[in-house]
Amino acid sequence: MKKVLMICVLVGATIINSSAIQFETPKTAFEANISPPSDEPVAKLEKVGNQSYQLNYMEIPEGKVTVIIRDNSSRVIYRDVIFAEKFFSKSYDLSHLELGTYLFEVTDAQSVKLMAEELHLTPKDQSAAHIVNVELLDTDRLAISMANADGLVRTLKIFDEVGLIYEEAVPTGDFAKKYRFENVESLSKLSIQVMDRNGYIQYLSAL
């Protein structure tokens, strides 16, 4: 029997007023204790707009995950502590920041840095990113739509708690389709992965 997927709602981040934040000892990306590289990194940051980014965490976290954004003087201007019991994605809108270079850090519960990536905020351009939406229609049906303005072919995969249960190639252009899954206890136990040919991955769920 086919099963279903779950949607991690993307939450726009709020930038902390720099006068109200705590400061830590500055560290550059090279000084950070980053975990050894692997074929599939635990945390991956995807640019989804000129000044917007999406963090995809591709393992079940063991405890809290901490996101820190530093300015070009290594000052902490944003801190986000995330507790999750499954794969998750979260969006960060940095449009309230001044143009320039920032450092985006992700740390696990053991204080090991999983990522330290420089972000370069530049004047707004006209490029459009793909946007995926998942709508829960009822207890066993979902609707998935995608704005595919960049023209890349993507792969849609659906996972349950055990593994992959459905896979489909998504053609170029806008995409919309309904899916029915039977014998599934809860759609919230399913995950959706959308990946393009460049390896950019977006995770969603049907919460």
Protein backbone atom coordinates (compact mmCIF):
# COMPACT_ATOMS: atom_id res chain seq x y z
CA MET A 1 0.00 0.00 0.00
CA LYS A 2 1.16 3.54 -0.62
CA LYS A 3 1.69 5.81 2.31
CA VAL A 4 2.09 9.61 2.84
CA LEU A 5 4.24 12.55 3.80
CA MET A 6 4.42 15.18 6.48
CA ILE A 7 4.99 18.93 6.22
CA CYS A 8 7.51 20.84 8.27
CA VAL A 9 6.00 24.33 8.35
CA LEU A 10 8.62 26.86 7.41
CA VAL A 11 8.86 29.57 10.06
CA GLY A 12 10.30 32.96 9.19
CA ALA A 13 13.03 33.93 11.62
CA THR A 14 13.06 37.23 13.50
CA ILE A 15 16.34 39.07 13.71
CA ILE A 16 17.30 40.02 17.28
CA ASN A 17 18.00 43.66 18.02
CA SER A 18 21.77 43.82 18.33
CA SER A 19 21.51 45.92 21.51
CA ALA A 20 19.69 43.07 23.27
CA ILE A 21 21.86 40.13 22.35
CA GLN A 22 24.60 38.38 24.26
CA PHE A 23 28.07 38.24 22.79
CA GLU A 24 30.41 35.28 22.57
CA THR A 25 34.13 35.02 21.96
CA PRO A 26 34.52 35.73 18.22
CA LYS A 27 35.45 32.76 16.04
CA THR A 28 36.04 32.66 12.33
CA ALA A 29 34.76 29.82 10.16
CA PHE A 30 38.29 28.41 10.13
CA GLU A 31 38.58 28.42 13.93
CA ALA A 32 35.23 26.69 14.44
CA ASN A 33 35.20 23.05 15.54
CA ILE A 34 33.31 21.73 12.54
CA SER A 35 32.43 18.06 12.43
CA PRO A 36 34.23 15.99 9.73
CA PRO A 37 32.70 16.26 6.23
CA SER A 38 30.58 13.42 4.89
CA ASP A 39 28.80 12.59 1.63
CA GLU A 40 25.51 13.73 3.19
CA PRO A 41 26.01 16.57 5.69
CA VAL A 42 23.63 16.66 8.64
CA ALA A 43 22.79 20.33 8.10
CA LYS A 44 22.53 22.04 4.75
CA LEU A 45 21.68 25.65 3.95
CA GLU A 46 19.80 26.46 0.74
CA LYS A 47 19.34 29.94 -0.71
CA VAL A 48 15.65 30.36 -1.57
CA GLY A 49 15.66 34.09 -2.27
CA ASN A 50 18.09 36.96 -2.59
CA GLN A 51 18.09 37.48 1.20
CA SER A 52 16.29 34.34 2.37
CA TYR A 53 17.75 30.96 3.31
CA GLN A 54 16.36 27.59 4.33
CA LEU A 55 18.08 25.28 6.79
CA ASN A 56 17.50 21.57 6.10
CA TYR A 57 18.39 19.27 9.00
CA MET A 58 18.58 15.76 7.60
CA GLU A 59 18.81 13.62 10.72
CA ILE A 60 16.66 13.21 13.81
CA PRO A 61 18.32 15.59 16.30
CA GLU A 62 19.57 14.22 19.59
CA GLY A 63 18.63 17.19 21.72
CA LYS A 64 18.59 20.86 20.80
CA VAL A 65 20.00 22.41 17.64
CA THR A 66 21.35 25.95 17.90
CA VAL A 67 21.54 28.43 15.02
CA ILE A 68 23.72 31.53 15.39
CA ILE A 69 24.20 34.36 12.91
CA ARG A 70 27.22 36.64 13.30
CA ASP A 71 28.01 39.93 11.58
CA ASN A 72 31.35 40.68 9.90
CA SER A 73 32.91 41.52 13.28
CA SER A 74 31.88 38.07 14.66
CA ARG A 75 29.24 39.64 16.90
CA VAL A 76 26.17 37.46 17.55
CA ILE A 77 23.11 39.20 16.13
CA TYR A 78 20.72 36.23 16.10
CA ARG A 79 20.31 33.04 18.11
CA ASP A 80 17.70 30.32 17.54
CA VAL A 81 17.35 27.15 19.65
CA ILE A 82 15.35 24.40 17.91
CA PHE A 83 13.90 21.26 19.47
CA ALA A 84 12.65 18.67 16.96
CA GLU A 85 11.98 14.94 16.93
CA LYS A 86 12.34 14.42 13.17
CA PHE A 87 13.88 15.90 10.03
CA PHE A 88 13.04 19.58 9.80
CA SER A 89 13.38 22.64 7.61
CA LYS A 90 13.28 26.24 8.76
CA SER A 91 13.47 29.45 6.78
CA TYR A 92 15.39 32.58 7.71
CA ASP A 93 14.48 35.94 6.19
CA LEU A 94 17.51 38.23 6.48
CA SER A 95 16.01 41.15 4.58
CA HIS A 96 16.06 43.29 7.74
CA LEU A 97 19.85 43.11 7.89
CA GLU A 98 22.21 45.54 6.22
CA LEU A 99 23.91 44.33 3.05
CA GLY A 100 27.20 42.62 3.73
CA THR A 101 28.77 39.34 4.88
CA TYR A 102 27.46 37.22 7.76
CA LEU A 103 28.37 33.86 9.27
CA PHE A 104 25.63 31.22 9.70
CA GLU A 105 26.51 28.56 12.30
CA VAL A 106 24.66 25.38 13.30
CA THR A 107 25.64 23.54 16.50
CA ASP A 108 24.30 20.27 17.90
CA ALA A 109 23.48 19.43 21.54
CA GLN A 110 27.10 18.39 22.15
CA SER A 111 28.34 21.85 21.05
CA VAL A 112 29.85 20.42 17.85
CA LYS A 113 29.54 22.82 14.92
CA LEU A 114 27.85 21.10 11.99
CA MET A 115 28.06 24.14 9.74
CA ALA A 116 29.80 27.52 9.53
CA GLU A 117 28.88 29.14 6.23
CA GLU A 118 29.40 32.68 5.02
CA LEU A 119 26.33 34.49 3.66
CA HIS A 120 26.67 37.44 1.31
CA LEU A 121 23.65 39.75 1.26
CA THR A 122 23.60 41.72 -1.98
CA PRO A 123 21.10 44.12 -3.57
CA LYS A 124 17.82 42.45 -4.44
CA ASP A 125 17.78 40.75 -7.82
CA GLN A 126 14.97 39.42 -9.97
CA SER A 127 15.80 35.70 -9.72
CA ALA A 128 12.98 33.43 -8.58
CA ALA A 129 13.47 30.31 -6.44
CA HIS A 130 11.29 27.22 -6.45
CA ILE A 131 8.62 27.17 -3.76
CA VAL A 132 7.01 23.93 -2.58
CA ASN A 133 3.67 23.85 -0.79
CA VAL A 134 1.99 20.87 0.87
CA GLU A 135 -1.71 20.99 1.75
CA LEU A 136 -3.42 18.42 3.95
CA LEU A 137 -6.79 17.70 2.30
CA ASP A 138 -8.11 15.09 4.75
CA THR A 139 -6.86 12.13 6.79
CA ASP A 140 -5.42 10.27 3.78
CA ARG A 141 -4.92 12.87 1.02
CA LEU A 142 -2.34 15.54 0.32
CA ALA A 143 -1.87 18.13 -2.41
CA ILE A 144 1.65 19.13 -3.43
CA SER A 145 2.35 22.15 -5.64
CA MET A 146 5.61 23.69 -6.80
CA ALA A 147 6.56 26.95 -8.48
CA ASN A 148 9.42 25.82 -10.68
CA ALA A 149 10.53 29.08 -12.26
CA ASP A 150 14.19 28.11 -12.60
CA GLY A 151 13.31 25.26 -14.98
CA LEU A 152 15.21 22.49 -13.18
CA VAL A 153 13.94 18.90 -13.14
CA ARG A 154 13.43 17.80 -9.54
CA THR A 155 12.85 14.51 -7.73
CA LEU A 156 10.04 14.14 -5.21
CA LYS A 157 10.48 11.44 -2.55
CA ILE A 158 8.14 10.43 0.29
CA PHE A 159 9.40 8.64 3.39
CA ASP A 160 7.73 6.96 6.33
CA GLU A 161 9.51 6.13 9.59
CA VAL A 162 11.13 3.09 7.95
CA GLY A 163 12.27 4.43 4.59
CA LEU A 164 11.33 5.50 1.06
CA ILE A 165 7.77 4.64 0.02
CA TYR A 166 7.26 6.81 -3.09
CA GLU A 167 9.41 8.53 -5.71
CA GLU A 168 8.53 10.66 -8.72
CA ALA A 169 10.38 12.93 -11.18
CA VAL A 170 8.91 16.44 -11.24
CA PRO A 171 9.16 18.03 -14.71
CA THR A 172 10.10 21.61 -15.42
CA GLY A 173 7.41 24.24 -15.07
CA ASP A 174 4.78 24.63 -12.38
CA PHE A 175 3.58 21.40 -10.77
CA ALA A 176 0.47 20.46 -8.78
CA LYS A 177 -0.79 17.00 -7.86
CA LYS A 178 -2.98 15.22 -5.30
CA TYR A 179 -1.84 12.07 -3.50
CA ARG A 180 -3.89 9.49 -1.61
CA PHE A 181 -2.27 7.15 0.93
CA GLU A 182 -4.13 4.31 2.60
CA ASN A 183 -3.35 2.35 5.75
CA VAL A 184 -1.36 5.21 7.24
CA GLU A 185 -1.89 5.91 10.92
CA SER A 186 -0.99 9.59 10.62
CA LEU A 187 0.28 11.77 7.80
CA SER A 188 2.48 13.54 10.33
CA LYS A 189 4.74 10.49 10.34
CA LEU A 190 5.65 10.99 6.68
CA SER A 191 8.33 13.26 5.19
CA ILE A 192 8.68 14.86 1.75
CA GLN A 193 12.02 15.49 0.08
CA VAL A 194 12.41 17.63 -3.03
CA MET A 195 15.88 17.57 -4.63
CA ASP A 196 17.16 19.19 -7.82
CA ARG A 197 19.98 17.94 -10.03
CA ASN A 198 22.44 20.26 -8.29
CA GLY A 199 21.89 18.42 -5.01
CA TYR A 200 19.85 21.09 -3.23
CA ILE A 201 17.39 19.37 -0.89
CA GLN A 202 14.21 20.71 0.66
CA TYR A 203 12.39 18.72 3.36
CA LEU A 204 8.75 19.20 4.21
CA SER A 205 6.17 17.34 6.24
CA ALA A 206 2.40 17.03 6.41
CA LEU A 207 1.87 18.17 10.00
